[in-house]
Amino acid sequence: MRILTLSYEFPPVGGGGARVVDGLVRELANQGHEIDVVTMGFRGLTDSDVVDGVNILRQAARRKRTDICYTREMIPYLLSALPRVKRLVAERQYDINHTHFIFPDGVLAWLLYRISGLPYVITAHGSDVPGYNPDRFQFQHAMLTPLWRRVVKNAECVISPSTYLRELLEQRGAGTELQVIPNGLNADKFDPGREKRMRILVVTRMFERKGVQFLLQALRGRTLDCEINIVGDGPFLNTLKRMAADTPADIRFHGWLDNESGKLKELYETSQIFVFTSRRENCPVNLLEAMTAGMAIVTSQDPGSRELVGDTALCVADNQPDQLYATLKQLTRDPARCDELGRRARQRFEAHYAWPIIADRYLALLEQTRV
């Protein structure tokens, strides 16, 4: 097939959703399909690239940061990208438009459908669904509800990476076919066989809802017999650093690390325990990465996280610092238990989330909806 993919976030810009788009289009290209990705430009990046057979076309934009994009930056992207995608549709004769993120790219897909008739499928990623993220876009969703419903209703299908998000879409009156296809990851992203050290790793964007503060609250006035590495950037980072000053634990902030960096790879492959206590998630990619690396995972009882890890992780209630501390203290004293959890996490990943498995599910759907 010849597939147009719209995604305002694409590596090295963006977070987990961007990496999902990247992994999926590479797998589809590897299977012989023609993929054009239209995305936001960013300083230092070329206007176009071909990576592993994927054509990446970057639209000039005013985005200032890699880790967060504001509404005022999305609107110029949409306005400038529309003429470009119109030309691409006329020249390339696509079979289907697979768009990621209902806002902003779903608006672009809907306008393109109105102009050219090209059908579109949307993968929702979380914050593009009203009610998912209490920290962002509440005002925008309230103001743009009629447009959101029009974009969703006219899609051939909306794909949700989790049952939890699908249920939220239903509650919001999506009015179209909904399917659940989880996120994927390359099985060789990280080597689970490397010798691990008893240390804790946290990798996430630094927003309040991501829950890093719960770990720091658990460690207030207390310590663990291992170092704690926290990777990521975002508007909540300075608050977290101030909280870390209240604990004697060995906490090391690394800031933003490129997902392909050797440093991040080393941290994943050689750290024993991964902690992610987010309040709300939708098939989080950082948990997939920890599963791939064979780490013992401690996560929250958030439905999206629990659905992903199944019975291979230890789940704790958010904002329960004593429970979290007790769980980590027990794990850090039991390397055999950590190894067991890591093996089970890797086995679950291989059975359900490797990219060839996920891509085949996407292809079956795209074949049904193509022109």
Foldseek 3Di string as FASTA:
>chain_A
DEEEEEDQAAPPAEDQLNVLVVLLVLVVVVVPYAYEYEYADDPPDDQWDQDNRYTYGHDYWDADDRYDDDPVGQVVRLVRCLVVVLVVCVPPVGFAYEYEACPPVLLSVLVSCVVPVHAYEYEYFFPSQAPRDPVDCNVVCVVCVVVSLSSLQRHQEYEAQDPVVVVSCVVSPSNHHYYHFHGFDALVLAAQPDAADAEEEEEDADDVQQQPVLQLVLQQQHEAPHAYEYEYYYDNVVVVVVSNVRGPYRYHYDYHDRSNDPVVNCCLQHYAEYETEGNGGGNGVVLLSNLSSLHAYEYAPHRRVCVNQPPLHHYDHGPPSNVVNVVSNVCSVCSVSSNSSSVSSNVSNVVGHHNVNSSVVVVVVSVVRTD
